Structures are given as C-alpha cells and as structure tokens.
Amino acid sequence: MGTSKDHNEPDFSQIGAAVSATDAESLTLPYFDIGIAAGFPIPLDNDERAQDIDLLRMLCPNPESCYLIRVEGNSMIGAGISPGDIVIVDKSIRNPDEKQVAVCELNGEYTIKRLAIRNGKGWLIPANPDYPEIEVTPDDDFRVWGTVTYVIHKPKF
C-alpha cells in the first residue's frame, strides 16, 4: 500500500488529494435552523435567528477518523459525486451498506464506489453506466478504507 510522507496514510493520487480533518482549520458560520423553501420564498431577514455552528464539527463528528478527499474521475456522477468535488470520508465506518459510497483499496489502488454482495461475490459498483462493475475475487487484496459521509461541491449551473 502506498503511503504519503506527511501522515503515513495511503496515497490517494489515483482518486484525488486527501487532507485529514484534524489538519483542517475550524470554520464557524451562522446557521438558520428553519428549513429553506425550494418553492415559495420565506424571509431570512432576522440575524438574531442565526446560531453559530462549527461547520467542520457538523460534517465530521469523528474528526480523528475523517479525511477530505478531492475527487478525480466521473465514475460516481450518478451518486452526485463529480470531478473536483470534495468527499468527507469517515474511516471508522468500514461496513457500508449498498446505498453508501465507500473508498476501497483493491490490489493497492484506491477507488470510490458502492460495494454490493451478489450470490456470495463482492462487486464494486460505479454510478455511471460508462464504467463497468468490478468483481472482487478471493485472490484480490481488498479492503474498505472508509465511507463517504458528505459531498461538498459548488452548485451546478
């Protein structure tokens, strides 16, 4: 398994750049806990309704086991994960269900996919029909490194 020199963690260069959540600077922003309407407008004119939240703590409840990874490639666009997005990965969650997206190591290389078990066989499932499903065989060196808990991206226009 490749490792980075700074953190003795895996080399994610195949899928993007990684930063430990504990190395990220804390960020506190005003938060309006009112639910925003996607239909008819509602007023947001009262700053007293806002409360400050630590955004990193909200997105990474286990910062010691979370990493932020910038995604390269488009095999997961159907899951709302596009090239350039940042995924928050919690490596304490290593048993994802079929609906969750995981960072997996397969024979020394890393990928972001869904993991499914079919007829006793493991499969890495992309969320883009242009990519094939990958069978995980008993001969493969395979492990789930962590589970994606959030995706951060700019709005698509």
N, C-alpha and C. Protein backbone atom coordinates (compact mmCIF):
# COMPACT_ATOMS: atom_id res chain seq x y z
N MET A 1 0.85 -1.17 0.00
CA MET A 1 0.00 0.00 0.00
C MET A 1 0.89 1.23 0.00
N GLY A 2 0.64 2.18 -0.93
CA GLY A 2 1.43 3.40 -0.98
C GLY A 2 1.08 4.30 0.18
N THR A 3 2.05 5.03 0.68
CA THR A 3 1.78 5.95 1.78
C THR A 3 2.31 7.32 1.45
N SER A 4 1.67 8.32 2.02
CA SER A 4 2.17 9.68 1.86
C SER A 4 3.25 9.90 2.90
N LYS A 5 4.18 10.79 2.64
CA LYS A 5 5.29 11.03 3.55
C LYS A 5 4.85 11.78 4.79
N ASP A 6 3.84 12.65 4.69
CA ASP A 6 3.47 13.51 5.80
C ASP A 6 2.67 12.81 6.89
N HIS A 7 1.73 11.96 6.55
CA HIS A 7 0.81 11.41 7.54
C HIS A 7 0.85 9.89 7.63
N ASN A 8 1.73 9.25 6.91
CA ASN A 8 1.80 7.79 6.89
C ASN A 8 0.43 7.20 6.58
N GLU A 9 -0.31 7.84 5.71
CA GLU A 9 -1.62 7.37 5.27
C GLU A 9 -1.52 6.96 3.80
N PRO A 10 -2.51 6.27 3.30
CA PRO A 10 -2.48 5.81 1.90
C PRO A 10 -2.30 6.94 0.91
N ASP A 11 -1.73 6.61 -0.22
CA ASP A 11 -1.55 7.54 -1.33
C ASP A 11 -2.81 7.49 -2.19
N PHE A 12 -3.61 8.55 -2.13
CA PHE A 12 -4.88 8.59 -2.85
C PHE A 12 -4.74 9.25 -4.22
N SER A 13 -3.54 9.33 -4.77
CA SER A 13 -3.35 10.05 -6.01
C SER A 13 -4.20 9.51 -7.16
N GLN A 14 -4.65 8.24 -7.06
CA GLN A 14 -5.49 7.69 -8.12
C GLN A 14 -6.88 8.33 -8.11
N ILE A 15 -7.34 8.75 -6.91
CA ILE A 15 -8.69 9.32 -6.84
C ILE A 15 -8.70 10.79 -6.49
N GLY A 16 -7.60 11.35 -6.00
CA GLY A 16 -7.55 12.77 -5.69
C GLY A 16 -6.67 13.05 -4.49
N ALA A 17 -6.63 14.31 -4.08
CA ALA A 17 -5.82 14.74 -2.95
C ALA A 17 -6.60 14.55 -1.66
N ALA A 18 -5.90 14.15 -0.59
CA ALA A 18 -6.55 13.91 0.70
C ALA A 18 -5.95 14.79 1.78
N VAL A 19 -6.81 15.25 2.70
CA VAL A 19 -6.39 16.02 3.86
C VAL A 19 -7.12 15.47 5.07
N SER A 20 -6.40 15.25 6.16
CA SER A 20 -7.03 14.80 7.39
C SER A 20 -7.92 15.90 7.94
N ALA A 21 -9.08 15.53 8.47
CA ALA A 21 -9.99 16.52 9.05
C ALA A 21 -9.34 17.21 10.24
N THR A 22 -8.45 16.52 10.95
CA THR A 22 -7.78 17.15 12.09
C THR A 22 -6.77 18.19 11.64
N ASP A 23 -6.34 18.15 10.37
CA ASP A 23 -5.43 19.16 9.83
C ASP A 23 -6.17 20.36 9.24
N ALA A 24 -7.49 20.25 9.07
CA ALA A 24 -8.28 21.34 8.52
C ALA A 24 -8.56 22.37 9.61
N GLU A 25 -8.58 23.64 9.23
CA GLU A 25 -8.85 24.70 10.17
C GLU A 25 -10.34 24.75 10.47
N SER A 26 -10.69 25.00 11.71
CA SER A 26 -12.09 25.09 12.11
C SER A 26 -12.74 26.30 11.44
N LEU A 27 -14.01 26.17 11.12
CA LEU A 27 -14.75 27.24 10.48
C LEU A 27 -16.13 27.33 11.12
N THR A 28 -16.45 28.51 11.64
CA THR A 28 -17.75 28.73 12.25
C THR A 28 -18.53 29.69 11.37
N LEU A 29 -19.77 29.30 11.05
CA LEU A 29 -20.64 30.11 10.20
C LEU A 29 -22.00 30.26 10.85
N PRO A 30 -22.74 31.34 10.53
CA PRO A 30 -24.11 31.46 11.02
C PRO A 30 -24.99 30.38 10.40
N TYR A 31 -25.88 29.83 11.19
CA TYR A 31 -26.76 28.76 10.74
C TYR A 31 -28.19 29.11 11.10
N PHE A 32 -29.08 29.08 10.10
CA PHE A 32 -30.50 29.31 10.31
C PHE A 32 -31.20 27.95 10.30
N ASP A 33 -31.66 27.50 11.43
CA ASP A 33 -32.31 26.19 11.56
C ASP A 33 -33.81 26.36 11.32
N ILE A 34 -34.17 26.75 10.09
CA ILE A 34 -35.58 26.99 9.80
C ILE A 34 -36.08 26.20 8.61
N GLY A 35 -35.18 25.57 7.85
CA GLY A 35 -35.60 24.88 6.64
C GLY A 35 -35.93 25.89 5.56
N ILE A 36 -35.26 25.80 4.45
CA ILE A 36 -35.45 26.77 3.37
C ILE A 36 -36.40 26.21 2.33
N ALA A 37 -37.32 27.01 1.89
CA ALA A 37 -38.31 26.58 0.92
C ALA A 37 -37.71 26.58 -0.48
N ALA A 38 -37.90 25.48 -1.19
CA ALA A 38 -37.49 25.44 -2.60
C ALA A 38 -38.66 25.84 -3.49
N GLY A 39 -39.75 26.22 -2.89
CA GLY A 39 -40.93 26.65 -3.63
C GLY A 39 -41.13 28.14 -3.41
N PHE A 40 -42.08 28.50 -2.52
CA PHE A 40 -42.36 29.90 -2.25
C PHE A 40 -41.35 30.47 -1.28
N PRO A 41 -40.94 31.73 -1.46
CA PRO A 41 -39.92 32.35 -0.60
C PRO A 41 -40.37 32.48 0.85
N ILE A 42 -39.39 32.42 1.76
CA ILE A 42 -39.63 32.71 3.17
C ILE A 42 -38.61 33.76 3.59
N PRO A 43 -38.92 34.61 4.57
CA PRO A 43 -38.00 35.68 4.95
C PRO A 43 -36.80 35.15 5.74
N LEU A 44 -35.61 35.69 5.45
CA LEU A 44 -34.40 35.41 6.21
C LEU A 44 -33.79 36.73 6.65
N ASP A 45 -34.65 37.64 7.13
CA ASP A 45 -34.20 38.99 7.41
C ASP A 45 -33.81 39.23 8.86
N ASN A 46 -33.80 38.21 9.69
CA ASN A 46 -33.53 38.40 11.10
C ASN A 46 -32.28 37.64 11.52
N ASP A 47 -31.14 38.36 11.62
CA ASP A 47 -29.88 37.71 12.01
C ASP A 47 -29.93 37.13 13.42
N GLU A 48 -30.87 37.59 14.26
CA GLU A 48 -30.97 37.02 15.60
C GLU A 48 -31.43 35.56 15.57
N ARG A 49 -32.02 35.13 14.47
CA ARG A 49 -32.45 33.74 14.34
C ARG A 49 -31.27 32.81 14.09
N ALA A 50 -30.14 33.38 13.71
CA ALA A 50 -28.97 32.56 13.37
C ALA A 50 -28.25 32.14 14.63
N GLN A 51 -27.68 30.94 14.57
CA GLN A 51 -26.79 30.47 15.62
C GLN A 51 -25.48 30.08 14.95
N ASP A 52 -24.39 30.22 15.67
CA ASP A 52 -23.10 29.85 15.09
C ASP A 52 -22.90 28.35 15.24
N ILE A 53 -22.40 27.73 14.17
CA ILE A 53 -22.07 26.31 14.21
C ILE A 53 -20.65 26.13 13.68
N ASP A 54 -19.98 25.13 14.18
CA ASP A 54 -18.66 24.75 13.67
C ASP A 54 -18.92 23.79 12.52
N LEU A 55 -18.74 24.28 11.31
CA LEU A 55 -19.07 23.51 10.11
C LEU A 55 -18.29 22.21 10.05
N LEU A 56 -17.00 22.26 10.36
CA LEU A 56 -16.19 21.05 10.31
C LEU A 56 -16.69 20.03 11.33
N ARG A 57 -17.04 20.46 12.53
CA ARG A 57 -17.54 19.54 13.55
C ARG A 57 -18.88 18.94 13.14
N MET A 58 -19.72 19.73 12.44
CA MET A 58 -21.01 19.22 11.99
C MET A 58 -20.82 18.15 10.91
N LEU A 59 -19.90 18.41 9.96
CA LEU A 59 -19.70 17.46 8.86
C LEU A 59 -18.80 16.30 9.24
N CYS A 60 -17.96 16.48 10.25
CA CYS A 60 -17.01 15.44 10.67
C CYS A 60 -17.17 15.21 12.17
N PRO A 61 -18.20 14.48 12.60
CA PRO A 61 -18.38 14.27 14.04
C PRO A 61 -17.22 13.47 14.66
N ASN A 62 -16.48 12.73 13.84
CA ASN A 62 -15.30 11.99 14.30
C ASN A 62 -14.07 12.51 13.57
N PRO A 63 -13.62 13.76 13.84
CA PRO A 63 -12.55 14.34 13.02
C PRO A 63 -11.26 13.53 13.02
N GLU A 64 -11.00 12.80 14.08
CA GLU A 64 -9.78 12.00 14.12
C GLU A 64 -9.80 10.84 13.13
N SER A 65 -10.97 10.49 12.61
CA SER A 65 -11.06 9.40 11.63
C SER A 65 -11.60 9.87 10.29
N CYS A 66 -11.71 11.19 10.09
CA CYS A 66 -12.25 11.73 8.84
C CYS A 66 -11.17 12.35 7.97
N TYR A 67 -11.36 12.21 6.67
CA TYR A 67 -10.48 12.81 5.69
C TYR A 67 -11.32 13.51 4.65
N LEU A 68 -10.77 14.57 4.09
CA LEU A 68 -11.40 15.26 2.97
C LEU A 68 -10.58 14.88 1.74
N ILE A 69 -11.24 14.38 0.72
CA ILE A 69 -10.56 13.93 -0.49
C ILE A 69 -11.19 14.61 -1.70
N ARG A 70 -10.35 15.27 -2.51
CA ARG A 70 -10.85 15.87 -3.75
C ARG A 70 -10.92 14.77 -4.80
N VAL A 71 -12.06 14.65 -5.44
CA VAL A 71 -12.35 13.56 -6.37
C VAL A 71 -11.82 13.88 -7.77
N GLU A 72 -11.24 12.87 -8.39
CA GLU A 72 -10.87 12.92 -9.80
C GLU A 72 -11.63 11.79 -10.48
N GLY A 73 -12.08 12.03 -11.67
CA GLY A 73 -12.83 10.99 -12.40
C GLY A 73 -14.32 11.16 -12.22
N ASN A 74 -15.08 10.51 -13.11
CA ASN A 74 -16.54 10.70 -13.11
C ASN A 74 -17.32 9.40 -12.99
N SER A 75 -16.74 8.38 -12.37
CA SER A 75 -17.45 7.10 -12.26
C SER A 75 -18.61 7.15 -11.26
N MET A 76 -18.71 8.22 -10.45
CA MET A 76 -19.77 8.28 -9.44
C MET A 76 -20.72 9.46 -9.65
N ILE A 77 -20.80 9.97 -10.88
CA ILE A 77 -21.65 11.14 -11.13
C ILE A 77 -23.12 10.87 -10.85
N GLY A 78 -23.56 9.64 -11.03
CA GLY A 78 -24.95 9.29 -10.74
C GLY A 78 -25.27 9.31 -9.25
N ALA A 79 -24.24 9.31 -8.41
CA ALA A 79 -24.42 9.41 -6.96
C ALA A 79 -24.21 10.85 -6.49
N GLY A 80 -24.11 11.79 -7.45
CA GLY A 80 -23.93 13.18 -7.09
C GLY A 80 -22.49 13.53 -6.74
N ILE A 81 -21.53 12.71 -7.15
CA ILE A 81 -20.11 12.95 -6.89
C ILE A 81 -19.42 13.19 -8.23
N SER A 82 -18.95 14.40 -8.44
CA SER A 82 -18.36 14.81 -9.72
C SER A 82 -16.88 15.12 -9.55
N PRO A 83 -16.14 15.15 -10.66
CA PRO A 83 -14.73 15.55 -10.58
C PRO A 83 -14.61 16.93 -9.93
N GLY A 84 -13.66 17.09 -9.02
CA GLY A 84 -13.45 18.34 -8.31
C GLY A 84 -14.20 18.45 -7.00
N ASP A 85 -15.22 17.61 -6.80
CA ASP A 85 -15.94 17.61 -5.52
C ASP A 85 -15.01 17.16 -4.41
N ILE A 86 -15.33 17.56 -3.20
CA ILE A 86 -14.62 17.07 -2.02
C ILE A 86 -15.55 16.13 -1.28
N VAL A 87 -15.07 14.92 -1.02
CA VAL A 87 -15.86 13.98 -0.22
C VAL A 87 -15.25 13.92 1.17
N ILE A 88 -16.12 13.82 2.16
CA ILE A 88 -15.69 13.60 3.53
C ILE A 88 -15.83 12.11 3.78
N VAL A 89 -14.72 11.48 4.15
CA VAL A 89 -14.67 10.03 4.34
C VAL A 89 -14.37 9.74 5.80
N ASP A 90 -15.22 8.94 6.42
CA ASP A 90 -15.01 8.52 7.80
C ASP A 90 -14.45 7.11 7.78
N LYS A 91 -13.18 6.96 8.15
CA LYS A 91 -12.56 5.64 8.07
C LYS A 91 -12.93 4.76 9.26
N SER A 92 -13.74 5.27 10.20
CA SER A 92 -14.24 4.40 11.26
C SER A 92 -15.47 3.63 10.80
N ILE A 93 -16.02 4.00 9.64
CA ILE A 93 -17.18 3.29 9.07
C ILE A 93 -16.67 2.42 7.93
N ARG A 94 -16.48 1.15 8.19
CA ARG A 94 -15.88 0.25 7.20
C ARG A 94 -16.82 -0.85 6.73
N ASN A 95 -18.08 -0.77 7.10
CA ASN A 95 -19.06 -1.75 6.64
C ASN A 95 -20.23 -1.03 6.00
N PRO A 96 -20.01 -0.39 4.85
CA PRO A 96 -21.10 0.37 4.23
C PRO A 96 -22.18 -0.56 3.69
N ASP A 97 -23.41 -0.04 3.67
CA ASP A 97 -24.46 -0.81 3.01
C ASP A 97 -24.42 -0.49 1.52
N GLU A 98 -25.25 -1.14 0.73
CA GLU A 98 -25.21 -1.00 -0.74
C GLU A 98 -25.57 0.40 -1.22
N LYS A 99 -26.22 1.21 -0.40
CA LYS A 99 -26.59 2.56 -0.81
C LYS A 99 -25.48 3.57 -0.52
N GLN A 100 -24.56 3.21 0.35
CA GLN A 100 -23.48 4.13 0.72
C GLN A 100 -22.32 4.02 -0.26
N VAL A 101 -21.53 5.07 -0.33
CA VAL A 101 -20.35 5.11 -1.19
C VAL A 101 -19.13 4.96 -0.29
N ALA A 102 -18.19 4.13 -0.73
CA ALA A 102 -17.01 3.85 0.08
C ALA A 102 -15.73 4.11 -0.70
N VAL A 103 -14.67 4.43 0.03
CA VAL A 103 -13.33 4.46 -0.54
C VAL A 103 -12.77 3.06 -0.28
N CYS A 104 -12.43 2.38 -1.37
CA CYS A 104 -11.97 1.00 -1.29
C CYS A 104 -10.57 0.88 -1.85
N GLU A 105 -9.81 -0.02 -1.26
CA GLU A 105 -8.49 -0.36 -1.80
C GLU A 105 -8.60 -1.72 -2.45
N LEU A 106 -8.24 -1.79 -3.72
CA LEU A 106 -8.26 -3.04 -4.47
C LEU A 106 -6.89 -3.22 -5.10
N ASN A 107 -6.18 -4.22 -4.61
CA ASN A 107 -4.84 -4.55 -5.13
C ASN A 107 -3.92 -3.33 -5.16
N GLY A 108 -3.95 -2.55 -4.07
CA GLY A 108 -3.03 -1.42 -3.92
C GLY A 108 -3.49 -0.14 -4.58
N GLU A 109 -4.64 -0.13 -5.21
CA GLU A 109 -5.17 1.09 -5.82
C GLU A 109 -6.48 1.45 -5.15
N TYR A 110 -6.78 2.76 -5.11
CA TYR A 110 -7.96 3.25 -4.42
C TYR A 110 -9.02 3.69 -5.42
N THR A 111 -10.27 3.48 -5.04
CA THR A 111 -11.39 3.88 -5.87
C THR A 111 -12.57 4.23 -4.96
N ILE A 112 -13.47 5.04 -5.48
CA ILE A 112 -14.71 5.38 -4.78
C ILE A 112 -15.84 4.69 -5.53
N LYS A 113 -16.53 3.79 -4.85
CA LYS A 113 -17.63 3.02 -5.46
C LYS A 113 -18.61 2.61 -4.36
N ARG A 114 -19.73 2.06 -4.80
CA ARG A 114 -20.62 1.34 -3.89
C ARG A 114 -20.16 -0.10 -3.84
N LEU A 115 -20.39 -0.75 -2.73
CA LEU A 115 -20.00 -2.15 -2.57
C LEU A 115 -21.26 -2.99 -2.45
N ALA A 116 -21.36 -4.04 -3.27
CA ALA A 116 -22.53 -4.92 -3.24
C ALA A 116 -22.06 -6.36 -3.16
N ILE A 117 -22.85 -7.18 -2.48
CA ILE A 117 -22.61 -8.62 -2.43
C ILE A 117 -23.74 -9.28 -3.20
N ARG A 118 -23.38 -10.04 -4.25
CA ARG A 118 -24.36 -10.73 -5.07
C ARG A 118 -23.93 -12.18 -5.23
N ASN A 119 -24.81 -13.09 -4.86
CA ASN A 119 -24.52 -14.52 -4.96
C ASN A 119 -23.18 -14.87 -4.31
N GLY A 120 -22.92 -14.25 -3.16
CA GLY A 120 -21.70 -14.54 -2.42
C GLY A 120 -20.44 -13.88 -2.97
N LYS A 121 -20.57 -13.05 -4.01
CA LYS A 121 -19.42 -12.38 -4.60
C LYS A 121 -19.51 -10.87 -4.32
N GLY A 122 -18.35 -10.25 -4.11
CA GLY A 122 -18.29 -8.81 -3.90
C GLY A 122 -18.13 -8.08 -5.22
N TRP A 123 -18.81 -6.95 -5.34
CA TRP A 123 -18.75 -6.13 -6.55
C TRP A 123 -18.58 -4.67 -6.17
N LEU A 124 -17.72 -3.97 -6.90
CA LEU A 124 -17.60 -2.53 -6.79
C LEU A 124 -18.47 -1.93 -7.90
N ILE A 125 -19.43 -1.11 -7.49
CA ILE A 125 -20.46 -0.63 -8.42
C ILE A 125 -20.27 0.87 -8.67
N PRO A 126 -19.99 1.26 -9.91
CA PRO A 126 -19.92 2.68 -10.23
C PRO A 126 -21.33 3.26 -10.35
N ALA A 127 -21.42 4.58 -10.35
CA ALA A 127 -22.70 5.26 -10.53
C ALA A 127 -22.66 6.02 -11.86
N ASN A 128 -22.12 5.35 -12.86
CA ASN A 128 -22.04 5.91 -14.20
C ASN A 128 -22.04 4.71 -15.16
N PRO A 129 -23.02 4.63 -16.06
CA PRO A 129 -23.12 3.46 -16.95
C PRO A 129 -21.94 3.31 -17.90
N ASP A 130 -21.09 4.32 -18.02
CA ASP A 130 -19.92 4.22 -18.89
C ASP A 130 -18.79 3.39 -18.26
N TYR A 131 -18.95 3.04 -16.99
CA TYR A 131 -17.92 2.28 -16.27
C TYR A 131 -18.44 0.90 -15.91
N PRO A 132 -17.60 -0.13 -16.01
CA PRO A 132 -18.04 -1.49 -15.67
C PRO A 132 -18.04 -1.72 -14.16
N GLU A 133 -18.85 -2.67 -13.73
CA GLU A 133 -18.78 -3.15 -12.36
C GLU A 133 -17.51 -3.98 -12.25
N ILE A 134 -16.90 -3.98 -11.07
CA ILE A 134 -15.65 -4.69 -10.85
C ILE A 134 -15.88 -5.79 -9.83
N GLU A 135 -15.63 -7.05 -10.24
CA GLU A 135 -15.77 -8.16 -9.31
C GLU A 135 -14.56 -8.21 -8.38
N VAL A 136 -14.82 -8.41 -7.11
CA VAL A 136 -13.76 -8.58 -6.12
C VAL A 136 -13.66 -10.08 -5.85
N THR A 137 -12.54 -10.68 -6.22
CA THR A 137 -12.36 -12.12 -6.09
C THR A 137 -11.58 -12.45 -4.82
N PRO A 138 -11.62 -13.71 -4.38
CA PRO A 138 -10.83 -14.10 -3.20
C PRO A 138 -9.33 -13.88 -3.39
N ASP A 139 -8.86 -13.84 -4.62
CA ASP A 139 -7.44 -13.61 -4.89
C ASP A 139 -7.04 -12.14 -4.78
N ASP A 140 -8.01 -11.25 -4.74
CA ASP A 140 -7.73 -9.81 -4.67
C ASP A 140 -7.37 -9.41 -3.25
N ASP A 141 -6.51 -8.42 -3.14
CA ASP A 141 -6.21 -7.76 -1.87
C ASP A 141 -7.20 -6.60 -1.78
N PHE A 142 -8.23 -6.74 -0.94
CA PHE A 142 -9.33 -5.79 -0.90
C PHE A 142 -9.63 -5.38 0.53
N ARG A 143 -9.93 -4.10 0.69
CA ARG A 143 -10.44 -3.60 1.97
C ARG A 143 -11.22 -2.31 1.75
N VAL A 144 -12.18 -2.09 2.62
CA VAL A 144 -12.90 -0.82 2.65
C VAL A 144 -12.08 0.10 3.55
N TRP A 145 -11.64 1.22 3.01
CA TRP A 145 -10.83 2.15 3.78
C TRP A 145 -11.71 3.08 4.61
N GLY A 146 -12.88 3.44 4.11
CA GLY A 146 -13.80 4.32 4.83
C GLY A 146 -15.04 4.58 3.99
N THR A 147 -16.02 5.24 4.60
CA THR A 147 -17.30 5.50 3.95
C THR A 147 -17.51 7.01 3.77
N VAL A 148 -17.99 7.39 2.60
CA VAL A 148 -18.28 8.80 2.31
C VAL A 148 -19.50 9.21 3.13
N THR A 149 -19.34 10.29 3.90
CA THR A 149 -20.44 10.77 4.73
C THR A 149 -21.07 12.05 4.18
N TYR A 150 -20.27 12.86 3.47
CA TYR A 150 -20.77 14.08 2.85
C TYR A 150 -20.02 14.35 1.56
N VAL A 151 -20.68 15.07 0.66
CA VAL A 151 -20.07 15.53 -0.58
C VAL A 151 -20.19 17.05 -0.60
N ILE A 152 -19.08 17.73 -0.87
CA ILE A 152 -19.07 19.18 -0.94
C ILE A 152 -18.77 19.58 -2.39
N HIS A 153 -19.67 20.35 -2.97
CA HIS A 153 -19.42 20.83 -4.34
C HIS A 153 -20.13 22.15 -4.56
N LYS A 154 -19.67 22.87 -5.56
CA LYS A 154 -20.31 24.10 -5.94
C LYS A 154 -21.61 23.76 -6.66
N PRO A 155 -22.57 24.66 -6.65
CA PRO A 155 -23.80 24.40 -7.39
C PRO A 155 -23.51 24.22 -8.88
N LYS A 156 -24.29 23.34 -9.49
CA LYS A 156 -24.15 23.11 -10.93
C LYS A 156 -25.10 24.08 -11.65
N PHE A 157 -24.56 24.85 -12.56
CA PHE A 157 -25.39 25.81 -13.31
C PHE A 157 -25.55 25.38 -14.73
